C-alpha atoms as a PDB file:
ATOM      1  CA  CYS A   1     -31.440  -1.963  -8.766  1.00  0.00           C
ATOM      2  CA  GLU A   2     -28.166  -3.844  -8.729  1.00  0.00           C
ATOM      3  CA  GLN A   3     -25.619  -2.948 -11.357  1.00  0.00           C
ATOM      4  CA  ARG A   4     -22.340  -4.477 -12.401  1.00  0.00           C
ATOM      5  CA  HIS A   5     -19.496  -2.432 -13.834  1.00  0.00           C
ATOM      6  CA  VAL A   6     -16.174  -3.648 -15.218  1.00  0.00           C
ATOM      7  CA  ILE A   7     -13.443  -1.374 -13.921  1.00  0.00           C
ATOM      8  CA  ASN A   8     -10.652  -0.344 -16.257  1.00  0.00           C
ATOM      9  CA  PRO A   9      -7.309   1.404 -15.722  1.00  0.00           C
ATOM     10  CA  GLY A  10      -7.874   5.138 -15.490  1.00  0.00           C
ATOM     11  CA  ASP A  11     -11.442   4.847 -14.202  1.00  0.00           C
ATOM     12  CA  ALA A  12     -12.354   6.988 -11.196  1.00  0.00           C
ATOM     13  CA  ILE A  13     -15.021   5.734  -8.796  1.00  0.00           C
ATOM     14  CA  PRO A  14     -17.419   8.552  -7.845  1.00  0.00           C
ATOM     15  CA  LEU A  15     -17.245   9.358  -4.130  1.00  0.00           C
ATOM     16  CA  ALA A  16     -19.226  11.753  -1.976  1.00  0.00           C
ATOM     17  CA  GLN A  17     -17.192  14.904  -1.369  1.00  0.00           C
ATOM     18  CA  THR A  18     -16.723  16.897   1.803  1.00  0.00           C
ATOM     19  CA  LYS A  19     -19.008  19.882   2.191  1.00  0.00           C
ATOM     20  CA  GLY A  20     -17.701  23.358   1.483  1.00  0.00           C
ATOM     21  CA  ASP A  21     -14.278  23.945  -0.001  1.00  0.00           C
ATOM     22  CA  GLY A  22     -12.512  20.935   1.534  1.00  0.00           C
ATOM     23  CA  PRO A  23      -9.919  18.852  -0.330  1.00  0.00           C
ATOM     24  CA  ALA A  24     -11.090  16.645  -3.181  1.00  0.00           C
ATOM     25  CA  LEU A  25     -11.577  12.933  -2.492  1.00  0.00           C
ATOM     26  CA  ARG A  26     -10.656  10.658  -5.415  1.00  0.00           C
ATOM     27  CA  LEU A  27     -10.366   6.900  -5.951  1.00  0.00           C
ATOM     28  CA  GLN A  28      -8.719   5.957  -9.243  1.00  0.00           C
ATOM     29  CA  CYS A  29      -7.905   2.610 -10.828  1.00  0.00           C
ATOM     30  CA  LEU A  30      -4.289   2.347 -11.970  1.00  0.00           C
ATOM     31  CA  ALA A  31      -4.312  -1.266 -13.131  1.00  0.00           C
ATOM     32  CA  ALA A  32      -6.613  -4.224 -13.725  1.00  0.00           C
ATOM     33  CA  ARG A  33      -6.306  -7.524 -15.586  1.00  0.00           C
ATOM     34  CA  LYS A  34      -2.586  -6.886 -16.296  1.00  0.00           C
ATOM     35  CA  GLN A  35      -3.428  -3.604 -18.009  1.00  0.00           C
ATOM     36  CA  PHE A  36      -2.119  -0.276 -16.716  1.00  0.00           C
ATOM     37  CA  VAL A  37      -3.296   3.311 -16.956  1.00  0.00           C
ATOM     38  CA  ALA A  38      -1.671   5.433 -19.659  1.00  0.00           C
ATOM     39  CA  PRO A  39       1.153   7.504 -18.088  1.00  0.00           C
ATOM     40  CA  GLU A  40      -0.167  10.772 -19.513  1.00  0.00           C
ATOM     41  CA  LYS A  41      -3.550  10.218 -17.853  1.00  0.00           C
ATOM     42  CA  VAL A  42      -1.976  10.411 -14.387  1.00  0.00           C
ATOM     43  CA  ALA A  43       0.899  12.757 -15.270  1.00  0.00           C
ATOM     44  CA  ALA A  44       3.352   9.976 -14.419  1.00  0.00           C
ATOM     45  CA  LYS A  45       7.055  10.731 -14.416  1.00  0.00           C
ATOM     46  CA  SER A  46       9.683   8.649 -16.179  1.00  0.00           C
ATOM     47  CA  ASN A  47      11.280   6.164 -13.783  1.00  0.00           C
ATOM     48  CA  GLN A  48      13.911   4.406 -15.879  1.00  0.00           C
ATOM     49  CA  GLU A  49      16.647   4.553 -13.254  1.00  0.00           C
ATOM     50  CA  VAL A  50      15.023   1.947 -10.962  1.00  0.00           C
ATOM     51  CA  GLU A  51      15.087  -0.902 -13.496  1.00  0.00           C
ATOM     52  CA  SER A  52      18.099  -2.543 -11.835  1.00  0.00           C
ATOM     53  CA  LEU A  53      16.067  -3.061  -8.651  1.00  0.00           C
ATOM     54  CA  HIS A  54      13.854  -5.613 -10.390  1.00  0.00           C
ATOM     55  CA  THR A  55      14.852  -9.272 -10.429  1.00  0.00           C
ATOM     56  CA  PRO A  56      12.167 -11.344 -12.184  1.00  0.00           C
ATOM     57  CA  LYS A  57      10.584 -14.256 -10.328  1.00  0.00           C
ATOM     58  CA  ASP A  58       8.882 -17.366 -11.649  1.00  0.00           C
ATOM     59  CA  ARG A  59       5.492 -16.549 -13.103  1.00  0.00           C
ATOM     60  CA  ASP A  60       2.588 -16.755 -10.661  1.00  0.00           C
ATOM     61  CA  GLY A  61      -0.097 -18.674 -12.528  1.00  0.00           C
ATOM     62  CA  SER A  62      -2.875 -17.600 -10.158  1.00  0.00           C
ATOM     63  CA  ASP A  63      -5.452 -14.914 -10.804  1.00  0.00           C
ATOM     64  CA  ASN A  64      -3.591 -12.552  -8.458  1.00  0.00           C
ATOM     65  CA  ALA A  65      -1.655 -11.060 -11.374  1.00  0.00           C
ATOM     66  CA  ASN A  66      -4.986  -9.620 -12.557  1.00  0.00           C
ATOM     67  CA  SER A  67      -5.466  -7.638  -9.338  1.00  0.00           C
ATOM     68  CA  VAL A  68      -7.079  -4.222  -9.365  1.00  0.00           C
ATOM     69  CA  VAL A  69      -4.718  -1.457  -8.188  1.00  0.00           C
ATOM     70  CA  MET A  70      -6.308   1.615  -6.598  1.00  0.00           C
ATOM     71  CA  LEU A  71      -4.924   5.000  -5.568  1.00  0.00           C
ATOM     72  CA  LEU A  72      -6.976   6.864  -2.972  1.00  0.00           C
ATOM     73  CA  SER A  73      -6.309  10.598  -2.766  1.00  0.00           C
ATOM     74  CA  PHE A  74      -7.679  13.172  -0.350  1.00  0.00           C
ATOM     75  CA  GLY A  75      -6.099  16.515  -1.088  1.00  0.00           C
ATOM     76  CA  ASP A  76      -2.381  16.107  -0.400  1.00  0.00           C
ATOM     77  CA  PHE A  77      -2.799  12.622   1.121  1.00  0.00           C
ATOM     78  CA  GLU A  78      -2.339   9.495  -1.019  1.00  0.00           C
ATOM     79  CA  PHE A  79      -2.871   5.805  -0.186  1.00  0.00           C
ATOM     80  CA  LEU A  80      -1.859   2.952  -2.504  1.00  0.00           C
ATOM     81  CA  ASP A  81      -3.610  -0.431  -2.431  1.00  0.00           C
ATOM     82  CA  ALA A  82      -2.386  -2.901  -5.063  1.00  0.00           C
ATOM     83  CA  GLY A  83      -4.461  -5.823  -3.815  1.00  0.00           C
ATOM     84  CA  ASP A  84      -2.623  -9.093  -4.477  1.00  0.00           C
ATOM     85  CA  LEU A  85      -0.688  -7.852  -7.512  1.00  0.00           C
ATOM     86  CA  THR A  86       2.233 -10.177  -8.131  1.00  0.00           C
ATOM     87  CA  TRP A  87       5.960  -9.476  -8.386  1.00  0.00           C
ATOM     88  CA  ASN A  88       6.525  -9.269 -12.137  1.00  0.00           C
ATOM     89  CA  GLN A  89       3.366  -7.235 -12.723  1.00  0.00           C
ATOM     90  CA  GLU A  90       4.381  -4.824  -9.948  1.00  0.00           C
ATOM     91  CA  LYS A  91       7.322  -3.732 -12.085  1.00  0.00           C
ATOM     92  CA  ASN A  92       4.891  -2.460 -14.727  1.00  0.00           C
ATOM     93  CA  LEU A  93       3.248  -0.271 -12.110  1.00  0.00           C
ATOM     94  CA  VAL A  94       6.373   1.843 -11.614  1.00  0.00           C
ATOM     95  CA  HIS A  95       8.555   1.227 -14.688  1.00  0.00           C
ATOM     96  CA  PRO A  96       9.157   2.752 -17.162  1.00  0.00           C
ATOM     97  CA  PHE A  97       6.760   5.311 -15.638  1.00  0.00           C
ATOM     98  CA  ASN A  98       5.939   5.703 -11.945  1.00  0.00           C
ATOM     99  CA  LEU A  99       2.145   5.521 -12.241  1.00  0.00           C
ATOM    100  CA  PRO A 100       1.267   6.034  -8.540  1.00  0.00           C
ATOM    101  CA  GLY A 101       4.039   8.543  -7.860  1.00  0.00           C
ATOM    102  CA  GLU A 102       5.137   8.976  -4.256  1.00  0.00           C
ATOM    103  CA  VAL A 103       2.492   8.095  -1.669  1.00  0.00           C
ATOM    104  CA  ASP A 104       1.976   8.571   2.042  1.00  0.00           C
ATOM    105  CA  VAL A 105       0.676   5.139   3.020  1.00  0.00           C
ATOM    106  CA  TYR A 106       1.337   1.807   1.318  1.00  0.00           C
ATOM    107  CA  GLN A 107      -0.875  -1.169   2.054  1.00  0.00           C
ATOM    108  CA  VAL A 108       1.607  -4.020   1.951  1.00  0.00           C
ATOM    109  CA  THR A 109       0.593  -6.093  -1.043  1.00  0.00           C
ATOM    110  CA  HIS A 110      -0.747  -9.657  -0.873  1.00  0.00           C
ATOM    111  CA  HIS A 111      -0.683  -9.973   2.951  1.00  0.00           C
ATOM    112  CA  GLY A 112       3.094  -9.560   2.952  1.00  0.00           C
ATOM    113  CA  LEU A 113       3.860 -12.585   0.767  1.00  0.00           C
ATOM    114  CA  ASP A 114       7.129 -12.661  -1.167  1.00  0.00           C
ATOM    115  CA  SER A 115       5.362 -13.342  -4.462  1.00  0.00           C
ATOM    116  CA  SER A 116       4.593  -9.612  -4.224  1.00  0.00           C
ATOM    117  CA  ASN A 117       6.154  -6.501  -2.659  1.00  0.00           C
ATOM    118  CA  ASN A 118       8.838  -5.992  -5.267  1.00  0.00           C
ATOM    119  CA  PRO A 119      11.460  -3.533  -3.956  1.00  0.00           C
ATOM    120  CA  ILE A 120      11.202  -1.610  -7.229  1.00  0.00           C
ATOM    121  CA  VAL A 121       7.747  -0.517  -6.035  1.00  0.00           C
ATOM    122  CA  LEU A 122       8.848   0.402  -2.526  1.00  0.00           C
ATOM    123  CA  LYS A 123      11.766   2.486  -3.771  1.00  0.00           C
ATOM    124  CA  SER A 124       9.537   4.223  -6.336  1.00  0.00           C
ATOM    125  CA  VAL A 125       6.461   5.108  -4.278  1.00  0.00           C
ATOM    126  CA  GLN A 126       8.555   5.906  -1.163  1.00  0.00           C
ATOM    127  CA  PRO A 127       5.799   5.547   1.441  1.00  0.00           C
ATOM    128  CA  ARG A 128       6.125   7.056   4.889  1.00  0.00           C
ATOM    129  CA  VAL A 129       3.930   4.367   6.475  1.00  0.00           C
ATOM    130  CA  ALA A 130       3.354   0.715   5.518  1.00  0.00           C
ATOM    131  CA  ILE A 131       0.381  -1.278   6.819  1.00  0.00           C
ATOM    132  CA  MET A 132       0.456  -5.064   6.466  1.00  0.00           C
ATOM    133  CA  ASN A 133      -2.809  -7.024   6.463  1.00  0.00           C
ATOM    134  CA  ASN A 134      -1.094 -10.293   7.338  1.00  0.00           C
ATOM    135  CA  GLY A 135      -2.329 -13.263   9.364  1.00  0.00           C
ATOM    136  CA  SER A 136      -0.708 -14.921  12.356  1.00  0.00           C
ATOM    137  CA  THR A 137       0.995 -17.461  10.072  1.00  0.00           C
ATOM    138  CA  LYS A 138       0.340 -15.952   6.638  1.00  0.00           C
ATOM    139  CA  GLY A 139       2.456 -13.180   5.189  1.00  0.00           C
ATOM    140  CA  CYS A 140       5.093 -11.031   6.873  1.00  0.00           C
ATOM    141  CA  LEU A 141       7.664 -13.234   5.153  1.00  0.00           C
ATOM    142  CA  PRO A 142      11.370 -12.587   5.773  1.00  0.00           C
ATOM    143  CA  GLU A 143      12.131 -11.128   2.334  1.00  0.00           C
ATOM    144  CA  VAL A 144       9.192  -8.732   2.546  1.00  0.00           C
ATOM    145  CA  TYR A 145       9.998  -7.694   6.105  1.00  0.00           C
ATOM    146  CA  HIS A 146      13.600  -7.023   5.083  1.00  0.00           C
ATOM    147  CA  ASN A 147      12.551  -4.966   2.069  1.00  0.00           C
ATOM    148  CA  LEU A 148      10.184  -2.890   4.186  1.00  0.00           C
ATOM    149  CA  THR A 149      12.638  -2.239   7.004  1.00  0.00           C
ATOM    150  CA  THR A 150      15.410  -1.257   4.592  1.00  0.00           C
ATOM    151  CA  THR A 151      13.271   1.196   2.607  1.00  0.00           C
ATOM    152  CA  LYS A 152      14.610   4.531   3.839  1.00  0.00           C
ATOM    153  CA  SER A 153      11.384   6.474   3.351  1.00  0.00           C
ATOM    154  CA  ILE A 154       9.385   4.224   5.705  1.00  0.00           C
ATOM    155  CA  GLU A 155       9.092   5.662   9.209  1.00  0.00           C
ATOM    156  CA  ALA A 156       6.606   3.151  10.619  1.00  0.00           C
ATOM    157  CA  ILE A 157       5.315  -0.332   9.780  1.00  0.00           C
ATOM    158  CA  TYR A 158       2.051  -1.696  11.176  1.00  0.00           C
ATOM    159  CA  GLN A 159       0.869  -5.311  11.245  1.00  0.00           C
ATOM    160  CA  VAL A 160      -2.714  -6.514  11.602  1.00  0.00           C
ATOM    161  CA  HIS A 161      -1.405  -9.719  13.232  1.00  0.00           C
ATOM    162  CA  LYS A 162       1.774 -10.746  14.983  1.00  0.00           C
ATOM    163  CA  ASN A 163       3.817 -13.248  12.999  1.00  0.00           C
ATOM    164  CA  LEU A 164       3.619 -16.388  15.161  1.00  0.00           C
ATOM    165  CA  ARG A 165       5.827 -18.574  12.976  1.00  0.00           C
ATOM    166  CA  PRO A 166       9.319 -19.394  14.304  1.00  0.00           C
ATOM    167  CA  ASP A 167      10.810 -16.647  12.104  1.00  0.00           C
ATOM    168  CA  GLY A 168       8.654 -14.156  14.005  1.00  0.00           C
ATOM    169  CA  ALA A 169      11.544 -13.793  16.438  1.00  0.00           C
ATOM    170  CA  MET A 170      13.217 -11.760  13.700  1.00  0.00           C
ATOM    171  CA  ASN A 171      10.308 -10.647  11.527  1.00  0.00           C
ATOM    172  CA  ASN A 172       7.908  -8.625  13.653  1.00  0.00           C
ATOM    173  CA  VAL A 173       7.573  -4.937  14.399  1.00  0.00           C
ATOM    174  CA  PRO A 174       7.384  -3.859  18.070  1.00  0.00           C
ATOM    175  CA  ASP A 175       4.186  -5.035  19.786  1.00  0.00           C
ATOM    176  CA  GLU A 176       2.907  -1.453  19.984  1.00  0.00           C
ATOM    177  CA  TYR A 177       2.532  -1.491  16.183  1.00  0.00           C
ATOM    178  CA  ILE A 178       0.635  -4.808  16.039  1.00  0.00           C
ATOM    179  CA  ALA A 179      -3.156  -4.963  16.359  1.00  0.00           C
ATOM    180  CA  ASN A 180      -3.644  -8.666  17.189  1.00  0.00           C
ATOM    181  CA  HIS A 181      -1.163 -10.810  19.093  1.00  0.00           C
ATOM    182  CA  SER A 182      -2.657 -14.309  19.352  1.00  0.00           C
ATOM    183  CA  ALA A 183      -3.727 -17.050  16.954  1.00  0.00           C
ATOM    184  CA  GLN A 184      -7.296 -16.460  18.113  1.00  0.00           C
ATOM    185  CA  CYS A 185      -7.821 -13.118  16.406  1.00  0.00           C
ATOM    186  CA  GLU A 186      -9.309 -10.483  18.702  1.00  0.00           C
ATOM    187  CA  GLY A 187     -10.551  -8.510  15.714  1.00  0.00           C
ATOM    188  CA  ASN A 188      -8.543  -5.399  16.589  1.00  0.00           C
ATOM    189  CA  ARG A 189      -7.981  -2.908  13.809  1.00  0.00           C
ATOM    190  CA  VAL A 190      -5.312  -0.580  12.514  1.00  0.00           C
ATOM    191  CA  GLN A 191      -7.070   2.750  11.997  1.00  0.00           C
ATOM    192  CA  LEU A 192      -6.076   5.542   9.637  1.00  0.00           C
ATOM    193  CA  SER A 193      -7.569   9.022  10.003  1.00  0.00           C
ATOM    194  CA  VAL A 194      -6.713  11.934   7.711  1.00  0.00           C
ATOM    195  CA  ALA A 195      -7.076  15.547   8.880  1.00  0.00           C
ATOM    196  CA  SER A 196      -9.824  17.567   7.218  1.00  0.00           C
ATOM    197  CA  ASP A 197      -7.208  19.746   5.489  1.00  0.00           C
ATOM    198  CA  SER A 198      -5.287  16.609   4.341  1.00  0.00           C
ATOM    199  CA  ARG A 199      -2.000  17.974   5.674  1.00  0.00           C
ATOM    200  CA  SER A 200      -1.547  15.268   8.303  1.00  0.00           C
ATOM    201  CA  TYR A 201      -2.869  11.863   9.295  1.00  0.00           C
ATOM    202  CA  ILE A 202      -2.971   9.638  12.365  1.00  0.00           C
ATOM    203  CA  VAL A 203      -2.409   5.883  12.443  1.00  0.00           C
ATOM    204  CA  SER A 204      -3.758   4.261  15.578  1.00  0.00           C
ATOM    205  CA  ILE A 205      -4.557   0.914  17.174  1.00  0.00           C
ATOM    206  CA  PRO A 206      -7.540   1.667  19.435  1.00  0.00           C
ATOM    207  CA  ALA A 207      -7.189  -1.649  21.303  1.00  0.00           C
ATOM    208  CA  ASN A 208      -3.819  -0.728  22.825  1.00  0.00           C
ATOM    209  CA  GLY A 209      -4.040   3.062  22.803  1.00  0.00           C
ATOM    210  CA  HIS A 210      -1.265   3.506  20.238  1.00  0.00           C
ATOM    211  CA  GLU A 211      -1.508   6.661  18.145  1.00  0.00           C
ATOM    212  CA  ARG A 212       1.056   8.340  15.911  1.00  0.00           C
ATOM    213  CA  LYS A 213       0.749  11.436  13.750  1.00  0.00           C
ATOM    214  CA  PHE A 214       2.469  11.987  10.402  1.00  0.00           C
ATOM    215  CA  ALA A 215       2.669  14.933   8.015  1.00  0.00           C
ATOM    216  CA  THR A 216       1.577  14.220   4.471  1.00  0.00           C
ATOM    217  CA  LYS A 217       4.514  14.062   2.083  1.00  0.00           C
ATOM    218  CA  ALA A 218       3.260  16.950  -0.034  1.00  0.00           C
ATOM    219  CA  THR A 219       3.298  19.117   3.099  1.00  0.00           C
ATOM    220  CA  GLY A 220       6.957  18.339   3.697  1.00  0.00           C
ATOM    221  CA  ARG A 221       8.152  19.016   0.137  1.00  0.00           C
END
């Protein structure tokens, strides 16, 4: 029968595990409805020093501020998806405590709109890879693109669509890292595959043959 559950910060969604003694797979809620998980529940470290990176923006009156924030972990690998969480709420995710910690892959929040993607988050979670689920004219805005490309930890940025607005001349990654290039979406995907031991992962675009391998951050520490 169908069931409805209200998810709360700190909740973990049960997932089927790999057979044998493989790494644990875990999906945990860090925030929902402008409420955030208690720092001690995720062993979050104090992150006071990044406060100066946050410049408040006008309040977003939409429901996006209530977004659910999820952290997906598979052994050493960690993936952060903050949905459409908005700028001022993003600060609470990493300050005064860094609730996600450092992650491997960051799904660019809110399609790459500048009402999200606060640099205080990028500098705190220090992703190695960023994947932007933008549209051909939605998202990938100049401020967001600048913040991504100037985040020192980021080695690669992927876009689901090429930015076809006039500013796309300046705000696009190389074509090799873009899944769809025309206004008529071909439906090509950006694919992420994590090794069975969680020590590395591959980001690929099957439609153009692109494939790049990365070590998980925990492996490199």
